[in-house]
Amino acid sequence: MEDEPFEDEFIGYPCFEFNAALDPERNDTRCIHCRKYLTIECEYLDQFLEDDGDEG
C-alpha cells in the first residue's frame, strides 16, 4: 500500500509548499507532497522522525 497511517495527520500544515516536480493533481496539501518534506527546511521534521519511532 502506498498510503501510510501517519500521513493523514500531516495535512494542511501552514508551511506547505507544493513540490512542483510532482503532477499538479497531487497537490492535496499532504506533507508528503511538500517540497520541504523530510528536509532540513521542514519546521516539523522532528514530528516525522518521532513518528518513525525507535523500534530496535
C-alpha atoms as a PDB file:
ATOM      1  CA  MET A   1       0.000   0.000   0.000  1.00  0.00           C
ATOM      2  CA  GLU A   2       1.199   3.464  -0.811  1.00  0.00           C
ATOM      3  CA  ASP A   3      -0.691   5.263   1.978  1.00  0.00           C
ATOM      4  CA  GLU A   4       0.807   5.018   5.439  1.00  0.00           C
ATOM      5  CA  PRO A   5      -1.222   5.751   8.592  1.00  0.00           C
ATOM      6  CA  PHE A   6       0.879   8.755   9.706  1.00  0.00           C
ATOM      7  CA  GLU A   7       0.217  10.719   6.512  1.00  0.00           C
ATOM      8  CA  ASP A   8      -3.346  11.636   7.441  1.00  0.00           C
ATOM      9  CA  GLU A   9      -2.290  13.712  10.437  1.00  0.00           C
ATOM     10  CA  PHE A  10       0.101  15.746   8.268  1.00  0.00           C
ATOM     11  CA  ILE A  11      -2.363  17.558   6.006  1.00  0.00           C
ATOM     12  CA  GLY A  12      -2.729  21.308   5.566  1.00  0.00           C
ATOM     13  CA  TYR A  13       0.247  22.492   7.576  1.00  0.00           C
ATOM     14  CA  PRO A  14       0.801  26.276   7.265  1.00  0.00           C
ATOM     15  CA  CYS A  15       4.285  25.775   5.799  1.00  0.00           C
ATOM     16  CA  PHE A  16       3.024  23.604   2.922  1.00  0.00           C
ATOM     17  CA  GLU A  17       4.648  24.440  -0.406  1.00  0.00           C
ATOM     18  CA  PHE A  18       3.767  22.065  -3.205  1.00  0.00           C
ATOM     19  CA  ASN A  19       6.657  20.229  -4.837  1.00  0.00           C
ATOM     20  CA  ALA A  20       6.394  21.379  -8.453  1.00  0.00           C
ATOM     21  CA  ALA A  21       8.335  18.296  -9.581  1.00  0.00           C
ATOM     22  CA  LEU A  22       5.138  16.304  -8.944  1.00  0.00           C
ATOM     23  CA  ASP A  23       1.988  16.215 -11.069  1.00  0.00           C
ATOM     24  CA  PRO A  24      -0.356  19.129 -10.213  1.00  0.00           C
ATOM     25  CA  GLU A  25      -3.157  16.652  -9.398  1.00  0.00           C
ATOM     26  CA  ARG A  26      -1.153  15.551  -6.346  1.00  0.00           C
ATOM     27  CA  ASN A  27      -1.445  18.987  -4.747  1.00  0.00           C
ATOM     28  CA  ASP A  28      -3.679  17.919  -1.842  1.00  0.00           C
ATOM     29  CA  THR A  29      -1.698  19.759   0.894  1.00  0.00           C
ATOM     30  CA  ARG A  30      -0.304  16.500   2.280  1.00  0.00           C
ATOM     31  CA  CYS A  31       3.154  16.953   3.723  1.00  0.00           C
ATOM     32  CA  ILE A  32       4.391  14.058   1.604  1.00  0.00           C
ATOM     33  CA  HIS A  33       3.813  16.275  -1.455  1.00  0.00           C
ATOM     34  CA  CYS A  34       5.514  19.333   0.022  1.00  0.00           C
ATOM     35  CA  ARG A  35       8.843  20.455  -1.380  1.00  0.00           C
ATOM     36  CA  LYS A  36      10.136  20.638   2.218  1.00  0.00           C
ATOM     37  CA  TYR A  37       9.087  17.075   3.128  1.00  0.00           C
ATOM     38  CA  LEU A  38      11.831  15.364   5.169  1.00  0.00           C
ATOM     39  CA  THR A  39      14.334  18.135   4.503  1.00  0.00           C
ATOM     40  CA  ILE A  40      16.016  20.459   6.991  1.00  0.00           C
ATOM     41  CA  GLU A  41      13.701  23.206   5.648  1.00  0.00           C
ATOM     42  CA  CYS A  42      10.739  21.423   7.257  1.00  0.00           C
ATOM     43  CA  GLU A  43       9.989  23.001  10.631  1.00  0.00           C
ATOM     44  CA  TYR A  44       8.030  19.869  11.625  1.00  0.00           C
ATOM     45  CA  LEU A  45      10.805  17.411  10.798  1.00  0.00           C
ATOM     46  CA  ASP A  46      11.102  16.301  14.412  1.00  0.00           C
ATOM     47  CA  GLN A  47       7.453  15.181  14.343  1.00  0.00           C
ATOM     48  CA  PHE A  48       8.114  12.982  11.306  1.00  0.00           C
ATOM     49  CA  LEU A  49      11.166  11.479  12.972  1.00  0.00           C
ATOM     50  CA  GLU A  50       9.274  10.847  16.231  1.00  0.00           C
ATOM     51  CA  ASP A  51       6.534   9.088  14.283  1.00  0.00           C
ATOM     52  CA  ASP A  52       9.119   6.733  12.774  1.00  0.00           C
ATOM     53  CA  GLY A  53       9.939   5.521  16.269  1.00  0.00           C
ATOM     54  CA  ASP A  54      12.876   3.644  17.726  1.00  0.00           C
ATOM     55  CA  GLU A  55      11.803   0.054  17.299  1.00  0.00           C
ATOM     56  CA  GLY A  56      15.039  -1.679  17.853  1.00  0.00           C
END
